[in-house]
Amino acid sequence: MNKIQIMILGKTEQDVAPIVNQLNNTEEWQVNAFTDKETAINHFQQGLQDVVIFHDSIEGNTKAGLSRLFQFQEEDIILLTAHPDTDIWEQVNESLHHRAYDLKPRLTVIDDALKNASFNICLN
């Protein structure tokens, strides 16, 4: 079974450690934390990531640039921002469920076999 890949970006180890501790309790998730932008980009390009979490200490310009890069490479990626007062585990879980529902294949069948049929019936 493939694990959900989660990447966390923060400025310092103290920023990312609480987030990693929250998310490591789930066995189906592989969590990787980074404090260096270039290392994070290299890791992202090596494999598919499902979720990228930015700590709120990341500047707006850096976050916007990385978000564009990640979304360009992986269209369905989930991008979240971790604030100190939010439950990041719940945000990740809910986002993954929404994405799974959105990506669920849907099929609509219209059965109109007699649409263009013509019947030559004469009543006497």
C-alpha atoms as a PDB file:
ATOM      1  CA  MET A   1       0.000   0.000   0.000  1.00  0.00           C
ATOM      2  CA  ASN A   2       1.342   3.421  -0.931  1.00  0.00           C
ATOM      3  CA  LYS A   3       1.562   5.961   1.833  1.00  0.00           C
ATOM      4  CA  ILE A   4       0.257   9.505   1.538  1.00  0.00           C
ATOM      5  CA  GLN A   5       3.295  11.765   1.052  1.00  0.00           C
ATOM      6  CA  ILE A   6       3.245  14.925   3.176  1.00  0.00           C
ATOM      7  CA  MET A   7       5.935  17.597   2.978  1.00  0.00           C
ATOM      8  CA  ILE A   8       6.274  20.281   5.644  1.00  0.00           C
ATOM      9  CA  LEU A   9       8.206  23.518   5.143  1.00  0.00           C
ATOM     10  CA  GLY A  10       9.222  25.880   7.922  1.00  0.00           C
ATOM     11  CA  LYS A  11      11.995  28.308   8.765  1.00  0.00           C
ATOM     12  CA  THR A  12      13.398  26.409  11.738  1.00  0.00           C
ATOM     13  CA  GLU A  13      13.267  22.948  13.289  1.00  0.00           C
ATOM     14  CA  GLN A  14      11.132  24.408  16.091  1.00  0.00           C
ATOM     15  CA  ASP A  15       8.543  25.448  13.485  1.00  0.00           C
ATOM     16  CA  VAL A  16       8.156  22.032  11.871  1.00  0.00           C
ATOM     17  CA  ALA A  17       8.624  19.736  14.898  1.00  0.00           C
ATOM     18  CA  PRO A  18       5.098  20.199  16.377  1.00  0.00           C
ATOM     19  CA  ILE A  19       3.517  19.594  12.973  1.00  0.00           C
ATOM     20  CA  VAL A  20       5.570  16.459  12.405  1.00  0.00           C
ATOM     21  CA  ASN A  21       4.594  15.183  15.857  1.00  0.00           C
ATOM     22  CA  GLN A  22       0.899  15.671  15.089  1.00  0.00           C
ATOM     23  CA  LEU A  23       1.038  13.923  11.713  1.00  0.00           C
ATOM     24  CA  ASN A  24       3.399  11.032  12.502  1.00  0.00           C
ATOM     25  CA  ASN A  25       0.707   9.253  14.506  1.00  0.00           C
ATOM     26  CA  THR A  26      -0.958   8.036  11.305  1.00  0.00           C
ATOM     27  CA  GLU A  27       0.698   4.982   9.760  1.00  0.00           C
ATOM     28  CA  GLU A  28      -0.688   5.671   6.268  1.00  0.00           C
ATOM     29  CA  TRP A  29       1.162   8.990   6.026  1.00  0.00           C
ATOM     30  CA  GLN A  30       4.853   9.539   5.223  1.00  0.00           C
ATOM     31  CA  VAL A  31       5.887  12.913   6.658  1.00  0.00           C
ATOM     32  CA  ASN A  32       9.037  14.786   5.581  1.00  0.00           C
ATOM     33  CA  ALA A  33      10.007  18.143   7.065  1.00  0.00           C
ATOM     34  CA  PHE A  34      12.338  20.733   5.543  1.00  0.00           C
ATOM     35  CA  THR A  35      13.751  24.072   6.597  1.00  0.00           C
ATOM     36  CA  ASP A  36      15.685  24.739   3.378  1.00  0.00           C
ATOM     37  CA  LYS A  37      13.785  25.794   0.264  1.00  0.00           C
ATOM     38  CA  GLU A  38      16.188  24.199  -2.240  1.00  0.00           C
ATOM     39  CA  THR A  39      16.213  20.855  -0.413  1.00  0.00           C
ATOM     40  CA  ALA A  40      12.411  20.894  -0.328  1.00  0.00           C
ATOM     41  CA  ILE A  41      12.224  21.559  -4.074  1.00  0.00           C
ATOM     42  CA  ASN A  42      14.672  18.721  -4.792  1.00  0.00           C
ATOM     43  CA  HIS A  43      12.650  16.344  -2.619  1.00  0.00           C
ATOM     44  CA  PHE A  44       9.438  17.410  -4.323  1.00  0.00           C
ATOM     45  CA  GLN A  45      10.876  16.712  -7.762  1.00  0.00           C
ATOM     46  CA  GLN A  46      12.070  13.232  -6.759  1.00  0.00           C
ATOM     47  CA  GLY A  47       8.610  11.904  -6.015  1.00  0.00           C
ATOM     48  CA  LEU A  48       4.957  12.713  -5.978  1.00  0.00           C
ATOM     49  CA  GLN A  49       3.758  14.626  -2.950  1.00  0.00           C
ATOM     50  CA  ASP A  50       0.119  14.619  -1.924  1.00  0.00           C
ATOM     51  CA  VAL A  51       0.189  17.452   0.611  1.00  0.00           C
ATOM     52  CA  VAL A  52       2.516  20.384   1.199  1.00  0.00           C
ATOM     53  CA  ILE A  53       2.168  22.233   4.490  1.00  0.00           C
ATOM     54  CA  PHE A  54       3.723  25.666   4.902  1.00  0.00           C
ATOM     55  CA  HIS A  55       4.371  26.898   8.430  1.00  0.00           C
ATOM     56  CA  ASP A  56       3.004  30.407   8.837  1.00  0.00           C
ATOM     57  CA  SER A  57       6.562  31.690   9.410  1.00  0.00           C
ATOM     58  CA  ILE A  58       7.264  31.292   5.665  1.00  0.00           C
ATOM     59  CA  GLU A  59       7.127  34.687   3.940  1.00  0.00           C
ATOM     60  CA  GLY A  60       4.333  35.413   1.477  1.00  0.00           C
ATOM     61  CA  ASN A  61       6.600  35.765  -1.577  1.00  0.00           C
ATOM     62  CA  THR A  62       8.423  32.516  -0.861  1.00  0.00           C
ATOM     63  CA  LYS A  63       5.184  30.686  -0.204  1.00  0.00           C
ATOM     64  CA  ALA A  64       3.564  32.035  -3.369  1.00  0.00           C
ATOM     65  CA  GLY A  65       6.548  31.080  -5.534  1.00  0.00           C
ATOM     66  CA  LEU A  66       6.767  27.576  -4.124  1.00  0.00           C
ATOM     67  CA  SER A  67       3.009  27.120  -4.422  1.00  0.00           C
ATOM     68  CA  ARG A  68       3.097  28.027  -8.124  1.00  0.00           C
ATOM     69  CA  LEU A  69       6.021  25.674  -8.716  1.00  0.00           C
ATOM     70  CA  PHE A  70       4.382  22.766  -6.875  1.00  0.00           C
ATOM     71  CA  GLN A  71       1.002  23.251  -8.559  1.00  0.00           C
ATOM     72  CA  PHE A  72       2.662  23.492 -11.965  1.00  0.00           C
ATOM     73  CA  GLN A  73       4.346  20.125 -11.434  1.00  0.00           C
ATOM     74  CA  GLU A  74       1.464  18.388  -9.649  1.00  0.00           C
ATOM     75  CA  GLU A  75      -1.969  19.760 -10.443  1.00  0.00           C
ATOM     76  CA  ASP A  76      -3.868  17.907  -7.702  1.00  0.00           C
ATOM     77  CA  ILE A  77      -1.548  18.749  -4.823  1.00  0.00           C
ATOM     78  CA  ILE A  78      -3.033  19.996  -1.576  1.00  0.00           C
ATOM     79  CA  LEU A  79      -1.404  23.156  -0.198  1.00  0.00           C
ATOM     80  CA  LEU A  80      -2.071  24.101   3.418  1.00  0.00           C
ATOM     81  CA  THR A  81      -0.782  26.671   5.893  1.00  0.00           C
ATOM     82  CA  ALA A  82      -0.215  25.593   9.480  1.00  0.00           C
ATOM     83  CA  HIS A  83      -1.126  28.163  12.096  1.00  0.00           C
ATOM     84  CA  PRO A  84      -0.202  27.579  15.744  1.00  0.00           C
ATOM     85  CA  ASP A  85      -3.845  27.546  16.880  1.00  0.00           C
ATOM     86  CA  THR A  86      -5.210  25.085  14.290  1.00  0.00           C
ATOM     87  CA  ASP A  87      -5.413  21.309  14.280  1.00  0.00           C
ATOM     88  CA  ILE A  88      -3.327  20.484  11.226  1.00  0.00           C
ATOM     89  CA  TRP A  89      -4.155  16.761  11.396  1.00  0.00           C
ATOM     90  CA  GLU A  90      -7.847  17.530  10.915  1.00  0.00           C
ATOM     91  CA  GLN A  91      -7.104  19.920   8.030  1.00  0.00           C
ATOM     92  CA  VAL A  92      -4.967  17.333   6.232  1.00  0.00           C
ATOM     93  CA  ASN A  93      -7.472  14.536   6.758  1.00  0.00           C
ATOM     94  CA  GLU A  94     -10.395  16.643   5.547  1.00  0.00           C
ATOM     95  CA  SER A  95      -8.457  17.900   2.512  1.00  0.00           C
ATOM     96  CA  LEU A  96      -7.487  14.358   1.527  1.00  0.00           C
ATOM     97  CA  HIS A  97     -11.115  13.234   1.769  1.00  0.00           C
ATOM     98  CA  HIS A  98     -12.274  16.156  -0.383  1.00  0.00           C
ATOM     99  CA  ARG A  99      -9.625  15.414  -2.992  1.00  0.00           C
ATOM    100  CA  ALA A 100     -10.539  11.728  -3.071  1.00  0.00           C
ATOM    101  CA  TYR A 101     -14.182  12.653  -3.630  1.00  0.00           C
ATOM    102  CA  ASP A 102     -13.314  15.194  -6.348  1.00  0.00           C
ATOM    103  CA  LEU A 103     -11.072  12.707  -8.178  1.00  0.00           C
ATOM    104  CA  LYS A 104     -13.615   9.893  -7.942  1.00  0.00           C
ATOM    105  CA  PRO A 105     -14.531   8.761 -11.457  1.00  0.00           C
ATOM    106  CA  ARG A 106     -18.038   9.574 -12.529  1.00  0.00           C
ATOM    107  CA  LEU A 107     -19.919   8.088 -15.442  1.00  0.00           C
ATOM    108  CA  THR A 108     -23.180   9.253 -16.917  1.00  0.00           C
ATOM    109  CA  VAL A 109     -24.985   7.054 -19.405  1.00  0.00           C
ATOM    110  CA  ILE A 110     -27.796   8.353 -21.546  1.00  0.00           C
ATOM    111  CA  ASP A 111     -29.794   5.565 -23.095  1.00  0.00           C
ATOM    112  CA  ASP A 112     -31.719   6.962 -26.015  1.00  0.00           C
ATOM    113  CA  ALA A 113     -31.510   4.138 -28.513  1.00  0.00           C
ATOM    114  CA  LEU A 114     -34.667   5.164 -30.369  1.00  0.00           C
ATOM    115  CA  LYS A 115     -33.847   8.855 -30.695  1.00  0.00           C
ATOM    116  CA  ASN A 116     -33.401   8.823 -34.471  1.00  0.00           C
ATOM    117  CA  ALA A 117     -35.629   5.850 -35.242  1.00  0.00           C
ATOM    118  CA  SER A 118     -38.618   6.182 -37.532  1.00  0.00           C
ATOM    119  CA  PHE A 119     -41.460   3.699 -37.708  1.00  0.00           C
ATOM    120  CA  ASN A 120     -43.614   3.221 -40.774  1.00  0.00           C
ATOM    121  CA  ILE A 121     -46.870   2.096 -39.260  1.00  0.00           C
ATOM    122  CA  CYS A 122     -50.093   2.229 -41.206  1.00  0.00           C
ATOM    123  CA  LEU A 123     -53.434   1.696 -39.498  1.00  0.00           C
ATOM    124  CA  ASN A 124     -56.340   0.632 -41.704  1.00  0.00           C
END
